[in-house]
Amino acid sequence: MRSSLLRYYIILLLLASLVGVAFASVFVYYPIEVSVSPVGPPVYFEAGANAGGGDLAGNTIGVTVGSNGASLNVTLHPTYQKTYYKGVAKITNSDSNAYYITVRVVSTFLSLPSGSVALLRIYDGSSFYNVDLTSTGDTTIGQISAGASWRIDFYFYIPEGSTLPTSDSASVQLIYSPSAESPSSLP
């Protein structure tokens, strides 16, 4: 009796395994159609009043705006103590709708001496919003009104007596949305 009961359980186990394998390899495909109608950027970068102006040691304040205003490259030449760059670039909203703005620091300055401060500063006409370029993360700026332009400045403090790096860079993203919801990370 025990051996027949044991055989019965073994057969049930084998059948359950086969059924489980059969269901595990079934895939169902439903179609999804996605349509897009791309538009020009309603919020974009522009060169500021001091873009291309004189910088320290015979250099210039380098500002390159992408052909559609959707990218910005800035080259600055700060020195010891405090260096302030005013009106380097602008964020402009040409739309008839307001947009929520967040700035995400993706990668930071790595070679600036210990104790240094590096800030991207956004001025909305009444308040400054500081984005720390030595720390990754998001900074919620607020809502840019329809037709508004915000000024982008930079502030650096480098302790005197430290060794200056030959070059360094940080990577930042301007994120805008018609929704107040916090932006998510891209895969």
N, C-alpha and C. Protein backbone atom coordinates (compact mmCIF):
# COMPACT_ATOMS: atom_id res chain seq x y z
N MET A 1 0.81 -1.18 0.00
CA MET A 1 0.00 0.00 0.00
C MET A 1 0.86 1.26 0.00
N ARG A 2 1.95 1.23 0.78
CA ARG A 2 2.83 2.39 0.81
C ARG A 2 3.47 2.65 -0.54
N SER A 3 3.89 1.61 -1.24
CA SER A 3 4.54 1.79 -2.52
C SER A 3 3.57 2.32 -3.57
N SER A 4 2.30 1.90 -3.53
CA SER A 4 1.33 2.42 -4.50
C SER A 4 0.99 3.89 -4.18
N LEU A 5 0.94 4.21 -2.88
CA LEU A 5 0.71 5.60 -2.49
C LEU A 5 1.90 6.48 -2.89
N LEU A 6 3.09 5.96 -2.73
CA LEU A 6 4.30 6.69 -3.13
C LEU A 6 4.32 6.91 -4.64
N ARG A 7 3.95 5.86 -5.41
CA ARG A 7 3.87 6.01 -6.88
C ARG A 7 2.84 7.06 -7.26
N TYR A 8 1.71 7.04 -6.57
CA TYR A 8 0.65 8.01 -6.83
C TYR A 8 1.17 9.46 -6.63
N TYR A 9 1.88 9.70 -5.53
CA TYR A 9 2.43 11.04 -5.26
C TYR A 9 3.49 11.43 -6.28
N ILE A 10 4.30 10.49 -6.69
CA ILE A 10 5.34 10.77 -7.70
C ILE A 10 4.68 11.14 -9.03
N ILE A 11 3.64 10.40 -9.43
CA ILE A 11 2.93 10.71 -10.68
C ILE A 11 2.27 12.09 -10.58
N LEU A 12 1.65 12.42 -9.46
CA LEU A 12 1.04 13.74 -9.27
C LEU A 12 2.10 14.86 -9.34
N LEU A 13 3.25 14.62 -8.73
CA LEU A 13 4.32 15.59 -8.76
C LEU A 13 4.83 15.82 -10.18
N LEU A 14 4.98 14.75 -10.94
CA LEU A 14 5.43 14.86 -12.33
C LEU A 14 4.40 15.61 -13.18
N LEU A 15 3.12 15.29 -13.00
CA LEU A 15 2.08 15.98 -13.75
C LEU A 15 2.03 17.47 -13.39
N ALA A 16 2.15 17.78 -12.12
CA ALA A 16 2.15 19.18 -11.69
C ALA A 16 3.34 19.93 -12.28
N SER A 17 4.49 19.27 -12.35
CA SER A 17 5.68 19.89 -12.94
C SER A 17 5.48 20.17 -14.41
N LEU A 18 4.88 19.21 -15.13
CA LEU A 18 4.63 19.39 -16.56
C LEU A 18 3.63 20.50 -16.81
N VAL A 19 2.57 20.55 -16.03
CA VAL A 19 1.58 21.61 -16.18
C VAL A 19 2.20 22.96 -15.86
N GLY A 20 3.01 23.04 -14.82
CA GLY A 20 3.68 24.29 -14.44
C GLY A 20 4.61 24.77 -15.53
N VAL A 21 5.34 23.86 -16.16
CA VAL A 21 6.25 24.22 -17.25
C VAL A 21 5.45 24.68 -18.46
N ALA A 22 4.34 24.04 -18.74
CA ALA A 22 3.53 24.41 -19.90
C ALA A 22 3.00 25.82 -19.74
N PHE A 23 2.53 26.18 -18.56
CA PHE A 23 2.01 27.52 -18.35
C PHE A 23 3.11 28.57 -18.29
N ALA A 24 4.29 28.20 -17.84
CA ALA A 24 5.38 29.15 -17.71
C ALA A 24 5.91 29.61 -19.05
N SER A 25 5.66 28.86 -20.12
CA SER A 25 6.19 29.26 -21.42
C SER A 25 5.11 29.82 -22.34
N VAL A 26 4.01 30.28 -21.79
CA VAL A 26 2.95 30.88 -22.59
C VAL A 26 3.09 32.40 -22.53
N PHE A 27 3.04 33.03 -23.69
CA PHE A 27 3.13 34.48 -23.77
C PHE A 27 1.97 34.99 -24.61
N VAL A 28 1.35 36.07 -24.17
CA VAL A 28 0.25 36.69 -24.90
C VAL A 28 0.70 38.08 -25.32
N TYR A 29 0.45 38.44 -26.55
CA TYR A 29 0.89 39.74 -27.08
C TYR A 29 -0.33 40.57 -27.47
N TYR A 30 -0.46 41.74 -26.86
CA TYR A 30 -1.52 42.68 -27.20
C TYR A 30 -0.89 43.86 -27.93
N PRO A 31 -1.48 44.30 -28.99
CA PRO A 31 -0.89 45.43 -29.72
C PRO A 31 -1.16 46.77 -29.02
N ILE A 32 -0.17 47.64 -29.08
CA ILE A 32 -0.30 49.02 -28.60
C ILE A 32 0.23 49.91 -29.71
N GLU A 33 -0.53 50.90 -30.09
CA GLU A 33 -0.07 51.84 -31.10
C GLU A 33 0.18 53.18 -30.42
N VAL A 34 1.33 53.74 -30.69
CA VAL A 34 1.71 55.02 -30.10
C VAL A 34 1.93 56.02 -31.21
N SER A 35 1.27 57.17 -31.12
CA SER A 35 1.45 58.24 -32.10
C SER A 35 2.11 59.42 -31.42
N VAL A 36 3.02 60.08 -32.10
CA VAL A 36 3.65 61.28 -31.57
C VAL A 36 3.54 62.40 -32.60
N SER A 37 3.44 63.61 -32.12
CA SER A 37 3.46 64.82 -32.94
C SER A 37 4.41 65.79 -32.27
N PRO A 38 5.72 65.66 -32.53
CA PRO A 38 6.71 66.50 -31.85
C PRO A 38 6.45 68.00 -32.05
N VAL A 39 6.81 68.77 -31.03
CA VAL A 39 6.66 70.23 -31.06
C VAL A 39 7.99 70.88 -30.69
N GLY A 40 8.16 72.11 -31.05
CA GLY A 40 9.33 72.86 -30.63
C GLY A 40 9.29 73.09 -29.13
N PRO A 41 10.45 73.28 -28.50
CA PRO A 41 10.46 73.45 -27.04
C PRO A 41 9.82 74.77 -26.59
N PRO A 42 8.82 74.69 -25.70
CA PRO A 42 8.22 75.92 -25.19
C PRO A 42 9.13 76.63 -24.17
N VAL A 43 9.98 75.87 -23.49
CA VAL A 43 10.95 76.42 -22.55
C VAL A 43 12.33 76.13 -23.13
N TYR A 44 13.16 77.16 -23.22
CA TYR A 44 14.46 76.97 -23.88
C TYR A 44 15.51 77.90 -23.29
N PHE A 45 16.76 77.61 -23.62
CA PHE A 45 17.89 78.43 -23.18
C PHE A 45 18.17 79.53 -24.20
N GLU A 46 18.69 80.64 -23.69
CA GLU A 46 19.20 81.72 -24.53
C GLU A 46 20.50 82.21 -23.90
N ALA A 47 21.35 82.79 -24.70
CA ALA A 47 22.57 83.41 -24.17
C ALA A 47 22.17 84.61 -23.33
N GLY A 48 22.90 84.83 -22.24
CA GLY A 48 22.62 85.97 -21.37
C GLY A 48 23.36 87.21 -21.83
N ALA A 49 23.13 88.31 -21.14
CA ALA A 49 23.73 89.60 -21.50
C ALA A 49 25.25 89.56 -21.46
N ASN A 50 25.82 88.72 -20.60
CA ASN A 50 27.29 88.68 -20.48
C ASN A 50 27.93 87.48 -21.17
N ALA A 51 27.16 86.72 -21.92
CA ALA A 51 27.72 85.61 -22.69
C ALA A 51 28.72 86.15 -23.70
N GLY A 52 29.88 85.53 -23.77
CA GLY A 52 30.91 85.98 -24.70
C GLY A 52 31.70 87.17 -24.20
N GLY A 53 31.36 87.66 -23.01
CA GLY A 53 32.07 88.80 -22.43
C GLY A 53 33.41 88.39 -21.85
N GLY A 54 34.14 89.37 -21.38
CA GLY A 54 35.47 89.12 -20.83
C GLY A 54 35.43 88.32 -19.54
N ASP A 55 36.36 87.38 -19.45
CA ASP A 55 36.54 86.57 -18.26
C ASP A 55 37.97 86.80 -17.77
N LEU A 56 38.38 86.14 -16.72
CA LEU A 56 39.70 86.32 -16.13
C LEU A 56 40.81 85.79 -17.03
N ALA A 57 42.01 86.37 -16.90
CA ALA A 57 43.22 85.93 -17.59
C ALA A 57 43.07 85.94 -19.11
N GLY A 58 42.34 86.91 -19.65
CA GLY A 58 42.19 87.04 -21.10
C GLY A 58 41.22 86.07 -21.72
N ASN A 59 40.51 85.31 -20.94
CA ASN A 59 39.52 84.36 -21.45
C ASN A 59 38.18 85.05 -21.66
N THR A 60 37.23 84.34 -22.25
CA THR A 60 35.87 84.85 -22.41
C THR A 60 34.90 83.92 -21.69
N ILE A 61 33.75 84.47 -21.35
CA ILE A 61 32.67 83.67 -20.76
C ILE A 61 32.05 82.90 -21.92
N GLY A 62 32.37 81.60 -21.99
CA GLY A 62 31.92 80.78 -23.11
C GLY A 62 30.51 80.26 -22.90
N VAL A 63 29.62 80.61 -23.82
CA VAL A 63 28.23 80.15 -23.75
C VAL A 63 27.83 79.67 -25.14
N THR A 64 27.47 78.40 -25.23
CA THR A 64 26.98 77.84 -26.49
C THR A 64 25.59 77.28 -26.25
N VAL A 65 24.62 77.81 -26.99
CA VAL A 65 23.24 77.35 -26.89
C VAL A 65 22.97 76.45 -28.09
N GLY A 66 22.34 75.29 -27.86
CA GLY A 66 21.99 74.38 -28.94
C GLY A 66 21.10 75.05 -29.97
N SER A 67 21.10 74.53 -31.19
CA SER A 67 20.37 75.17 -32.30
C SER A 67 18.88 75.35 -32.02
N ASN A 68 18.30 74.54 -31.15
CA ASN A 68 16.89 74.68 -30.80
C ASN A 68 16.69 75.19 -29.37
N GLY A 69 17.77 75.61 -28.72
CA GLY A 69 17.68 76.11 -27.36
C GLY A 69 17.48 75.04 -26.31
N ALA A 70 17.64 73.76 -26.69
CA ALA A 70 17.38 72.66 -25.76
C ALA A 70 18.64 72.15 -25.08
N SER A 71 19.76 72.83 -25.28
CA SER A 71 21.00 72.47 -24.58
C SER A 71 21.83 73.73 -24.35
N LEU A 72 22.68 73.66 -23.34
CA LEU A 72 23.50 74.81 -22.95
C LEU A 72 24.86 74.31 -22.50
N ASN A 73 25.91 74.93 -23.01
CA ASN A 73 27.27 74.60 -22.59
C ASN A 73 27.92 75.90 -22.14
N VAL A 74 28.43 75.92 -20.92
CA VAL A 74 29.03 77.12 -20.34
C VAL A 74 30.46 76.81 -19.91
N THR A 75 31.40 77.70 -20.27
CA THR A 75 32.79 77.58 -19.85
C THR A 75 33.18 78.85 -19.09
N LEU A 76 33.61 78.67 -17.84
CA LEU A 76 33.96 79.79 -16.96
C LEU A 76 35.37 79.59 -16.42
N HIS A 77 35.97 80.66 -15.91
CA HIS A 77 37.36 80.62 -15.44
C HIS A 77 37.48 81.31 -14.08
N PRO A 78 36.90 80.71 -13.02
CA PRO A 78 36.97 81.35 -11.70
C PRO A 78 38.38 81.26 -11.11
N THR A 79 38.61 82.06 -10.08
CA THR A 79 39.89 82.05 -9.38
C THR A 79 39.65 81.95 -7.88
N TYR A 80 40.70 82.15 -7.09
CA TYR A 80 40.60 82.08 -5.63
C TYR A 80 39.61 83.10 -5.09
N GLN A 81 39.13 82.81 -3.88
CA GLN A 81 38.15 83.63 -3.19
C GLN A 81 36.81 83.55 -3.93
N LYS A 82 36.11 84.66 -4.03
CA LYS A 82 34.76 84.64 -4.61
C LYS A 82 34.78 85.16 -6.05
N THR A 83 34.15 84.41 -6.95
CA THR A 83 34.00 84.84 -8.35
C THR A 83 32.52 84.71 -8.69
N TYR A 84 31.93 85.80 -9.19
CA TYR A 84 30.50 85.80 -9.53
C TYR A 84 30.33 86.10 -11.01
N TYR A 85 29.55 85.28 -11.69
CA TYR A 85 29.24 85.47 -13.10
C TYR A 85 27.75 85.79 -13.22
N LYS A 86 27.44 87.00 -13.64
CA LYS A 86 26.06 87.45 -13.71
C LYS A 86 25.58 87.45 -15.17
N GLY A 87 24.36 87.00 -15.39
CA GLY A 87 23.75 87.08 -16.72
C GLY A 87 24.44 86.25 -17.77
N VAL A 88 24.82 85.02 -17.41
CA VAL A 88 25.51 84.14 -18.36
C VAL A 88 24.54 83.58 -19.39
N ALA A 89 23.35 83.19 -18.95
CA ALA A 89 22.35 82.60 -19.84
C ALA A 89 20.96 82.92 -19.29
N LYS A 90 19.93 82.53 -20.05
CA LYS A 90 18.55 82.73 -19.64
C LYS A 90 17.74 81.46 -19.90
N ILE A 91 16.70 81.29 -19.10
CA ILE A 91 15.68 80.27 -19.34
C ILE A 91 14.44 81.05 -19.74
N THR A 92 13.91 80.76 -20.92
CA THR A 92 12.77 81.52 -21.44
C THR A 92 11.59 80.59 -21.69
N ASN A 93 10.40 81.03 -21.30
CA ASN A 93 9.16 80.32 -21.56
C ASN A 93 8.38 81.12 -22.59
N SER A 94 8.34 80.64 -23.83
CA SER A 94 7.62 81.34 -24.89
C SER A 94 6.17 80.86 -25.03
N ASP A 95 5.77 79.93 -24.20
CA ASP A 95 4.43 79.35 -24.29
C ASP A 95 3.41 80.24 -23.59
N SER A 96 2.13 79.95 -23.83
CA SER A 96 1.07 80.66 -23.13
C SER A 96 0.70 79.96 -21.82
N ASN A 97 1.41 78.88 -21.50
CA ASN A 97 1.19 78.14 -20.25
C ASN A 97 2.42 78.26 -19.36
N ALA A 98 2.20 78.16 -18.06
CA ALA A 98 3.31 78.13 -17.10
C ALA A 98 3.86 76.71 -17.01
N TYR A 99 5.14 76.59 -16.62
CA TYR A 99 5.78 75.29 -16.46
C TYR A 99 6.52 75.23 -15.13
N TYR A 100 6.52 74.04 -14.52
CA TYR A 100 7.26 73.81 -13.28
C TYR A 100 8.70 73.46 -13.64
N ILE A 101 9.66 74.06 -12.92
CA ILE A 101 11.08 73.90 -13.23
C ILE A 101 11.78 73.19 -12.06
N THR A 102 12.57 72.18 -12.41
CA THR A 102 13.46 71.48 -11.49
C THR A 102 14.83 71.43 -12.14
N VAL A 103 15.87 71.58 -11.34
CA VAL A 103 17.24 71.43 -11.86
C VAL A 103 17.85 70.21 -11.19
N ARG A 104 18.38 69.30 -12.00
CA ARG A 104 18.99 68.06 -11.50
C ARG A 104 20.49 68.09 -11.76
N VAL A 105 21.29 67.98 -10.70
CA VAL A 105 22.73 67.84 -10.85
C VAL A 105 23.02 66.36 -11.03
N VAL A 106 23.49 66.01 -12.23
CA VAL A 106 23.73 64.61 -12.58
C VAL A 106 25.14 64.19 -12.15
N SER A 107 26.12 65.05 -12.42
CA SER A 107 27.49 64.80 -11.96
C SER A 107 28.08 66.11 -11.46
N THR A 108 28.92 66.02 -10.45
CA THR A 108 29.43 67.21 -9.77
C THR A 108 30.86 67.53 -10.18
N PHE A 109 31.31 68.72 -9.78
CA PHE A 109 32.73 69.05 -9.91
C PHE A 109 33.50 68.12 -8.98
N LEU A 110 34.51 67.46 -9.50
CA LEU A 110 35.26 66.48 -8.70
C LEU A 110 36.64 66.98 -8.29
N SER A 111 37.18 67.95 -9.02
CA SER A 111 38.56 68.37 -8.78
C SER A 111 38.69 69.68 -8.03
N LEU A 112 37.59 70.36 -7.75
CA LEU A 112 37.69 71.60 -7.00
C LEU A 112 38.24 71.30 -5.61
N PRO A 113 39.08 72.17 -5.09
CA PRO A 113 39.69 71.93 -3.77
C PRO A 113 38.64 71.82 -2.67
N SER A 114 39.00 71.13 -1.61
CA SER A 114 38.14 70.98 -0.45
C SER A 114 37.75 72.37 0.08
N GLY A 115 36.50 72.51 0.43
CA GLY A 115 36.00 73.79 0.94
C GLY A 115 35.47 74.72 -0.14
N SER A 116 35.55 74.29 -1.40
CA SER A 116 35.05 75.12 -2.51
C SER A 116 33.53 75.11 -2.54
N VAL A 117 32.98 76.17 -3.12
CA VAL A 117 31.54 76.29 -3.33
C VAL A 117 31.33 76.57 -4.81
N ALA A 118 30.38 75.88 -5.43
CA ALA A 118 30.02 76.12 -6.82
C ALA A 118 28.51 76.10 -6.93
N LEU A 119 27.93 77.23 -7.31
CA LEU A 119 26.48 77.34 -7.38
C LEU A 119 26.03 77.81 -8.75
N LEU A 120 25.01 77.18 -9.28
CA LEU A 120 24.24 77.71 -10.39
C LEU A 120 23.11 78.47 -9.72
N ARG A 121 22.94 79.74 -10.09
CA ARG A 121 21.92 80.56 -9.44
C ARG A 121 20.90 81.00 -10.48
N ILE A 122 19.64 80.77 -10.18
CA ILE A 122 18.56 81.17 -11.07
C ILE A 122 17.82 82.33 -10.41
N TYR A 123 17.69 83.42 -11.16
CA TYR A 123 17.02 84.62 -10.66
C TYR A 123 15.73 84.81 -11.45
N ASP A 124 14.59 84.77 -10.74
CA ASP A 124 13.29 84.88 -11.42
C ASP A 124 12.76 86.31 -11.47
N GLY A 125 13.57 87.28 -11.12
CA GLY A 125 13.16 88.67 -11.12
C GLY A 125 12.90 89.20 -9.72
N SER A 126 12.70 88.28 -8.75
CA SER A 126 12.50 88.72 -7.37
C SER A 126 13.26 87.84 -6.37
N SER A 127 13.55 86.61 -6.73
CA SER A 127 14.22 85.68 -5.81
C SER A 127 15.32 84.89 -6.51
N PHE A 128 16.33 84.50 -5.73
CA PHE A 128 17.39 83.62 -6.23
C PHE A 128 17.14 82.20 -5.75
N TYR A 129 17.42 81.24 -6.61
CA TYR A 129 17.37 79.82 -6.28
C TYR A 129 18.76 79.26 -6.55
N ASN A 130 19.37 78.68 -5.52
CA ASN A 130 20.74 78.17 -5.63
C ASN A 130 20.74 76.67 -5.85
N VAL A 131 21.52 76.23 -6.82
CA VAL A 131 21.71 74.82 -7.12
C VAL A 131 23.17 74.50 -6.84
N ASP A 132 23.40 73.62 -5.87
CA ASP A 132 24.76 73.25 -5.45
C ASP A 132 25.36 72.30 -6.49
N LEU A 133 26.41 72.74 -7.17
CA LEU A 133 27.06 71.93 -8.21
C LEU A 133 28.11 70.99 -7.65
N THR A 134 28.19 70.90 -6.30
CA THR A 134 29.11 69.95 -5.68
C THR A 134 28.36 68.76 -5.07
N SER A 135 27.05 68.69 -5.33
CA SER A 135 26.23 67.62 -4.77
C SER A 135 25.16 67.22 -5.78
N THR A 136 25.01 65.91 -6.05
CA THR A 136 23.98 65.47 -6.98
C THR A 136 22.61 65.55 -6.32
N GLY A 137 21.59 65.64 -7.17
CA GLY A 137 20.23 65.66 -6.67
C GLY A 137 19.39 66.71 -7.37
N ASP A 138 18.14 66.81 -6.98
CA ASP A 138 17.17 67.73 -7.59
C ASP A 138 16.95 68.95 -6.72
N THR A 139 16.79 70.10 -7.37
CA THR A 139 16.39 71.33 -6.70
C THR A 139 15.14 71.84 -7.40
N THR A 140 14.03 71.90 -6.67
CA THR A 140 12.79 72.43 -7.22
C THR A 140 12.89 73.94 -7.22
N ILE A 141 12.70 74.53 -8.39
CA ILE A 141 12.83 75.98 -8.52
C ILE A 141 11.48 76.66 -8.38
N GLY A 142 10.49 76.17 -9.07
CA GLY A 142 9.16 76.79 -9.02
C GLY A 142 8.56 76.83 -10.40
N GLN A 143 7.63 77.73 -10.60
CA GLN A 143 6.87 77.80 -11.84
C GLN A 143 7.28 79.04 -12.64
N ILE A 144 7.69 78.82 -13.88
CA ILE A 144 8.02 79.94 -14.77
C ILE A 144 6.75 80.32 -15.52
N SER A 145 6.36 81.56 -15.40
CA SER A 145 5.12 82.05 -16.01
C SER A 145 5.23 82.10 -17.52
N ALA A 146 4.09 82.12 -18.17
CA ALA A 146 4.04 82.27 -19.63
C ALA A 146 4.74 83.56 -20.02
N GLY A 147 5.63 83.49 -21.00
CA GLY A 147 6.32 84.67 -21.50
C GLY A 147 7.47 85.16 -20.64
N ALA A 148 7.79 84.49 -19.54
CA ALA A 148 8.84 84.95 -18.62
C ALA A 148 10.22 84.47 -19.05
N SER A 149 11.25 85.21 -18.62
CA SER A 149 12.65 84.80 -18.78
C SER A 149 13.33 84.90 -17.42
N TRP A 150 14.09 83.87 -17.08
CA TRP A 150 14.85 83.84 -15.84
C TRP A 150 16.33 83.91 -16.16
N ARG A 151 17.07 84.61 -15.33
CA ARG A 151 18.52 84.78 -15.52
C ARG A 151 19.28 83.65 -14.84
N ILE A 152 20.35 83.18 -15.49
CA ILE A 152 21.24 82.17 -14.91
C ILE A 152 22.58 82.83 -14.59
N ASP A 153 22.98 82.76 -13.31
CA ASP A 153 24.26 83.25 -12.82
C ASP A 153 25.04 82.07 -12.25
N PHE A 154 26.34 82.30 -12.00
CA PHE A 154 27.18 81.29 -11.35
C PHE A 154 28.01 81.95 -10.26
N TYR A 155 28.19 81.24 -9.14
CA TYR A 155 29.02 81.72 -8.04
C TYR A 155 30.01 80.63 -7.67
N PHE A 156 31.28 81.04 -7.49
CA PHE A 156 32.32 80.11 -7.07
C PHE A 156 33.08 80.71 -5.90
N TYR A 157 33.42 79.86 -4.96
CA TYR A 157 34.37 80.21 -3.91
C TYR A 157 35.43 79.11 -3.91
N ILE A 158 36.70 79.50 -4.09
CA ILE A 158 37.82 78.56 -4.04
C ILE A 158 38.78 79.07 -2.97
N PRO A 159 39.07 78.25 -1.94
CA PRO A 159 39.93 78.71 -0.85
C PRO A 159 41.34 79.05 -1.36
N GLU A 160 41.81 80.22 -0.95
CA GLU A 160 43.17 80.63 -1.32
C GLU A 160 44.18 79.70 -0.68
N GLY A 161 45.23 79.40 -1.41
CA GLY A 161 46.27 78.51 -0.92
C GLY A 161 46.09 77.07 -1.38
N SER A 162 44.92 76.74 -1.90
CA SER A 162 44.69 75.39 -2.42
C SER A 162 45.21 75.30 -3.85
N THR A 163 45.34 74.09 -4.35
CA THR A 163 45.81 73.89 -5.71
C THR A 163 44.62 73.94 -6.66
N LEU A 164 44.72 74.78 -7.69
CA LEU A 164 43.64 74.88 -8.68
C LEU A 164 43.71 73.71 -9.65
N PRO A 165 42.56 73.12 -9.99
CA PRO A 165 42.57 72.08 -11.02
C PRO A 165 42.79 72.71 -12.40
N THR A 166 43.31 71.92 -13.33
CA THR A 166 43.48 72.46 -14.70
C THR A 166 42.13 72.62 -15.37
N SER A 167 41.20 71.72 -15.10
CA SER A 167 39.83 71.85 -15.59
C SER A 167 38.94 70.90 -14.78
N ASP A 168 37.66 71.15 -14.83
CA ASP A 168 36.69 70.33 -14.13
C ASP A 168 35.34 70.61 -14.76
N SER A 169 34.38 69.74 -14.59
CA SER A 169 33.05 70.00 -15.14
C SER A 169 31.97 69.33 -14.30
N ALA A 170 30.78 69.87 -14.40
CA ALA A 170 29.60 69.31 -13.76
C ALA A 170 28.53 69.18 -14.84
N SER A 171 27.63 68.22 -14.67
CA SER A 171 26.55 68.01 -15.63
C SER A 171 25.22 68.26 -14.94
N VAL A 172 24.40 69.10 -15.56
CA VAL A 172 23.14 69.53 -14.97
C VAL A 172 22.03 69.37 -16.00
N GLN A 173 20.83 69.03 -15.55
CA GLN A 173 19.67 68.97 -16.42
C GLN A 173 18.62 69.97 -15.96
N LEU A 174 18.07 70.72 -16.90
CA LEU A 174 16.90 71.55 -16.63
C LEU A 174 15.69 70.69 -16.98
N ILE A 175 14.80 70.50 -16.01
CA ILE A 175 13.62 69.68 -16.22
C ILE A 175 12.40 70.57 -16.08
N TYR A 176 11.53 70.56 -17.09
CA TYR A 176 10.30 71.35 -16.97
C TYR A 176 9.10 70.49 -17.31
N SER A 177 7.95 70.84 -16.72
CA SER A 177 6.74 70.06 -16.90
C SER A 177 5.52 70.94 -16.64
N PRO A 178 4.41 70.65 -17.32
CA PRO A 178 3.17 71.36 -16.99
C PRO A 178 2.58 70.87 -15.67
N SER A 179 3.13 69.78 -15.12
CA SER A 179 2.65 69.18 -13.88
C SER A 179 3.58 69.50 -12.71
N ALA A 180 3.03 69.66 -11.53
CA ALA A 180 3.83 69.92 -10.33
C ALA A 180 4.45 68.65 -9.78
N GLU A 181 4.15 67.51 -10.37
CA GLU A 181 4.67 66.23 -9.90
C GLU A 181 6.20 66.22 -9.99
N SER A 182 6.86 65.60 -9.03
CA SER A 182 8.33 65.50 -9.03
C SER A 182 8.78 64.65 -10.20
N PRO A 183 9.86 65.08 -10.88
CA PRO A 183 10.33 64.30 -12.03
C PRO A 183 10.96 62.99 -11.58
N SER A 184 10.88 61.99 -12.44
CA SER A 184 11.48 60.70 -12.15
C SER A 184 12.83 60.60 -12.87
N SER A 185 13.60 59.63 -12.48
CA SER A 185 14.88 59.38 -13.15
C SER A 185 14.63 58.60 -14.42
N LEU A 186 15.44 58.90 -15.40
CA LEU A 186 15.36 58.14 -16.65
C LEU A 186 16.14 56.84 -16.52
N PRO A 187 15.72 55.81 -17.24
CA PRO A 187 16.46 54.54 -17.16
C PRO A 187 17.84 54.68 -17.76
